[in-house]
Amino acid sequence: MTLYLGLILAGIAMLTLGGEALICGAVAAARRFRVSPILSGLVIVGFGTSATELVVSVDAAVQAQPDIAMGNVVGSNIGNILLILGLCALISPMSVQPLIFRRDGVIMVLSCWLY
């Protein structure tokens, strides 16, 4: 039990250090190439956080397991959307007009269904 807790804490520490290194590297790259830090954050960090999903999907495709690749994409999208919505709801209550909710909801469902 203590070993598992230690491994979990070590994993969280490594994730934290890796995230910090990614952000520091992105800011340094933006300064070196004289690019806006916001562009650096959007592009470099965006690619960095999606790289693991890309590796899993490519590996699944190479091993002829499309279900894993599809589950990776769908699960990642669901997780990202729910994490962002949950964080926003914790910071400030969200008010959505019914017309906008209906329009965006239909578009989201159709885009997932067509994918």
C-alpha atoms as a PDB file:
ATOM      1  CA  MET A   1       0.000   0.000   0.000  1.00  0.00           C
ATOM      2  CA  THR A   2       2.773   2.442   0.931  1.00  0.00           C
ATOM      3  CA  LEU A   3       4.668   1.537  -2.231  1.00  0.00           C
ATOM      4  CA  TYR A   4       1.669   2.437  -4.393  1.00  0.00           C
ATOM      5  CA  LEU A   5       1.210   5.731  -2.592  1.00  0.00           C
ATOM      6  CA  GLY A   6       4.896   6.497  -3.058  1.00  0.00           C
ATOM      7  CA  LEU A   7       4.686   5.687  -6.770  1.00  0.00           C
ATOM      8  CA  ILE A   8       1.605   7.866  -7.182  1.00  0.00           C
ATOM      9  CA  LEU A   9       3.282  10.783  -5.404  1.00  0.00           C
ATOM     10  CA  ALA A  10       6.448  10.291  -7.466  1.00  0.00           C
ATOM     11  CA  GLY A  11       4.343  10.279 -10.652  1.00  0.00           C
ATOM     12  CA  ILE A  12       2.581  13.494  -9.645  1.00  0.00           C
ATOM     13  CA  ALA A  13       5.934  15.105  -8.835  1.00  0.00           C
ATOM     14  CA  MET A  14       7.374  14.064 -12.209  1.00  0.00           C
ATOM     15  CA  LEU A  15       4.291  15.360 -14.026  1.00  0.00           C
ATOM     16  CA  THR A  16       4.605  18.671 -12.211  1.00  0.00           C
ATOM     17  CA  LEU A  17       8.298  18.993 -13.019  1.00  0.00           C
ATOM     18  CA  GLY A  18       7.708  17.969 -16.634  1.00  0.00           C
ATOM     19  CA  GLY A  19       4.928  20.524 -17.019  1.00  0.00           C
ATOM     20  CA  GLU A  20       7.123  23.231 -15.534  1.00  0.00           C
ATOM     21  CA  ALA A  21       9.966  22.294 -17.891  1.00  0.00           C
ATOM     22  CA  LEU A  22       7.569  22.391 -20.859  1.00  0.00           C
ATOM     23  CA  ILE A  23       6.335  25.866 -19.961  1.00  0.00           C
ATOM     24  CA  CYS A  24       9.839  27.220 -19.307  1.00  0.00           C
ATOM     25  CA  GLY A  25      11.083  25.750 -22.577  1.00  0.00           C
ATOM     26  CA  ALA A  26       8.157  27.224 -24.511  1.00  0.00           C
ATOM     27  CA  VAL A  27       8.759  30.682 -23.044  1.00  0.00           C
ATOM     28  CA  ALA A  28      12.497  30.451 -23.782  1.00  0.00           C
ATOM     29  CA  ALA A  29      11.788  29.364 -27.368  1.00  0.00           C
ATOM     30  CA  ALA A  30       9.340  32.236 -27.808  1.00  0.00           C
ATOM     31  CA  ARG A  31      11.920  34.743 -26.576  1.00  0.00           C
ATOM     32  CA  ARG A  32      14.653  33.274 -28.769  1.00  0.00           C
ATOM     33  CA  PHE A  33      12.543  33.412 -31.938  1.00  0.00           C
ATOM     34  CA  ARG A  34      10.957  36.744 -30.934  1.00  0.00           C
ATOM     35  CA  VAL A  35       7.469  35.299 -30.956  1.00  0.00           C
ATOM     36  CA  SER A  36       4.616  36.383 -28.735  1.00  0.00           C
ATOM     37  CA  PRO A  37       4.415  34.253 -25.555  1.00  0.00           C
ATOM     38  CA  ILE A  38       0.697  33.656 -26.184  1.00  0.00           C
ATOM     39  CA  LEU A  39       1.486  32.177 -29.602  1.00  0.00           C
ATOM     40  CA  SER A  40       4.135  30.043 -27.963  1.00  0.00           C
ATOM     41  CA  GLY A  41       1.630  28.845 -25.402  1.00  0.00           C
ATOM     42  CA  LEU A  42      -0.979  28.024 -27.999  1.00  0.00           C
ATOM     43  CA  VAL A  43       1.295  26.230 -30.433  1.00  0.00           C
ATOM     44  CA  ILE A  44       4.206  24.681 -28.546  1.00  0.00           C
ATOM     45  CA  VAL A  45       2.332  23.723 -25.398  1.00  0.00           C
ATOM     46  CA  GLY A  46      -0.668  22.587 -27.463  1.00  0.00           C
ATOM     47  CA  PHE A  47       1.500  20.242 -29.495  1.00  0.00           C
ATOM     48  CA  GLY A  48       3.344  19.091 -26.394  1.00  0.00           C
ATOM     49  CA  THR A  49       0.188  18.101 -24.573  1.00  0.00           C
ATOM     50  CA  SER A  50      -1.261  16.340 -27.617  1.00  0.00           C
ATOM     51  CA  ALA A  51       1.897  14.391 -28.418  1.00  0.00           C
ATOM     52  CA  THR A  52       1.060  11.541 -26.040  1.00  0.00           C
ATOM     53  CA  GLU A  53      -2.345  11.039 -27.637  1.00  0.00           C
ATOM     54  CA  LEU A  54      -0.730  11.066 -31.069  1.00  0.00           C
ATOM     55  CA  VAL A  55       1.763   8.384 -30.024  1.00  0.00           C
ATOM     56  CA  VAL A  56      -1.000   6.161 -28.610  1.00  0.00           C
ATOM     57  CA  SER A  57      -3.144   6.569 -31.738  1.00  0.00           C
ATOM     58  CA  VAL A  58      -0.254   5.899 -34.139  1.00  0.00           C
ATOM     59  CA  ASP A  59       0.814   2.846 -32.135  1.00  0.00           C
ATOM     60  CA  ALA A  60      -2.767   1.531 -32.177  1.00  0.00           C
ATOM     61  CA  ALA A  61      -3.014   2.109 -35.927  1.00  0.00           C
ATOM     62  CA  VAL A  62       0.289   0.314 -36.557  1.00  0.00           C
ATOM     63  CA  GLN A  63      -0.926  -2.653 -34.506  1.00  0.00           C
ATOM     64  CA  ALA A  64      -4.244  -2.657 -36.451  1.00  0.00           C
ATOM     65  CA  GLN A  65      -6.344  -1.798 -33.380  1.00  0.00           C
ATOM     66  CA  PRO A  66      -8.566   1.078 -34.538  1.00  0.00           C
ATOM     67  CA  ASP A  67     -10.795   0.750 -31.465  1.00  0.00           C
ATOM     68  CA  ILE A  68      -7.978   1.919 -29.214  1.00  0.00           C
ATOM     69  CA  ALA A  69      -7.200   4.863 -31.491  1.00  0.00           C
ATOM     70  CA  MET A  70     -10.876   5.892 -31.621  1.00  0.00           C
ATOM     71  CA  GLY A  71     -11.308   5.449 -27.876  1.00  0.00           C
ATOM     72  CA  ASN A  72      -8.218   7.562 -27.292  1.00  0.00           C
ATOM     73  CA  VAL A  73      -9.593  10.416 -29.391  1.00  0.00           C
ATOM     74  CA  VAL A  74     -13.124  10.284 -27.996  1.00  0.00           C
ATOM     75  CA  GLY A  75     -11.968   9.869 -24.389  1.00  0.00           C
ATOM     76  CA  SER A  76      -9.491  12.709 -24.701  1.00  0.00           C
ATOM     77  CA  ASN A  77     -12.123  15.042 -26.115  1.00  0.00           C
ATOM     78  CA  ILE A  78     -14.657  14.132 -23.445  1.00  0.00           C
ATOM     79  CA  GLY A  79     -12.053  14.544 -20.706  1.00  0.00           C
ATOM     80  CA  ASN A  80     -10.828  17.907 -21.999  1.00  0.00           C
ATOM     81  CA  ILE A  81     -14.335  19.314 -22.445  1.00  0.00           C
ATOM     82  CA  LEU A  82     -15.515  18.168 -19.022  1.00  0.00           C
ATOM     83  CA  LEU A  83     -12.353  19.371 -17.264  1.00  0.00           C
ATOM     84  CA  ILE A  84     -12.640  22.820 -18.854  1.00  0.00           C
ATOM     85  CA  LEU A  85     -16.366  23.088 -18.138  1.00  0.00           C
ATOM     86  CA  GLY A  86     -15.853  21.918 -14.561  1.00  0.00           C
ATOM     87  CA  LEU A  87     -13.050  24.393 -13.942  1.00  0.00           C
ATOM     88  CA  CYS A  88     -15.109  27.230 -15.413  1.00  0.00           C
ATOM     89  CA  ALA A  89     -18.103  26.248 -13.291  1.00  0.00           C
ATOM     90  CA  LEU A  90     -15.927  26.283 -10.155  1.00  0.00           C
ATOM     91  CA  ILE A  91     -14.602  29.757 -10.932  1.00  0.00           C
ATOM     92  CA  SER A  92     -17.881  31.356 -11.956  1.00  0.00           C
ATOM     93  CA  PRO A  93     -21.386  29.999 -12.485  1.00  0.00           C
ATOM     94  CA  MET A  94     -22.195  29.750 -16.157  1.00  0.00           C
ATOM     95  CA  SER A  95     -25.421  31.084 -17.618  1.00  0.00           C
ATOM     96  CA  VAL A  96     -26.310  29.827 -21.062  1.00  0.00           C
ATOM     97  CA  GLN A  97     -29.178  31.000 -23.196  1.00  0.00           C
ATOM     98  CA  PRO A  98     -31.351  28.078 -24.333  1.00  0.00           C
ATOM     99  CA  LEU A  99     -31.020  28.974 -28.043  1.00  0.00           C
ATOM    100  CA  ILE A 100     -27.211  28.984 -27.891  1.00  0.00           C
ATOM    101  CA  PHE A 101     -27.180  25.762 -25.869  1.00  0.00           C
ATOM    102  CA  ARG A 102     -29.451  24.037 -28.403  1.00  0.00           C
ATOM    103  CA  ARG A 103     -27.432  25.274 -31.397  1.00  0.00           C
ATOM    104  CA  ASP A 104     -24.005  24.415 -29.987  1.00  0.00           C
ATOM    105  CA  GLY A 105     -25.215  21.118 -28.532  1.00  0.00           C
ATOM    106  CA  VAL A 106     -26.582  19.954 -31.872  1.00  0.00           C
ATOM    107  CA  ILE A 107     -23.377  20.946 -33.667  1.00  0.00           C
ATOM    108  CA  MET A 108     -21.232  19.125 -31.074  1.00  0.00           C
ATOM    109  CA  VAL A 109     -23.313  15.948 -31.277  1.00  0.00           C
ATOM    110  CA  LEU A 110     -23.282  16.019 -35.095  1.00  0.00           C
ATOM    111  CA  SER A 111     -19.529  16.575 -35.232  1.00  0.00           C
ATOM    112  CA  CYS A 112     -18.926  13.619 -32.899  1.00  0.00           C
ATOM    113  CA  TRP A 113     -21.359  11.444 -34.808  1.00  0.00           C
ATOM    114  CA  LEU A 114     -19.875  12.303 -38.216  1.00  0.00           C
ATOM    115  CA  TYR A 115     -16.342  11.721 -37.002  1.00  0.00           C
END
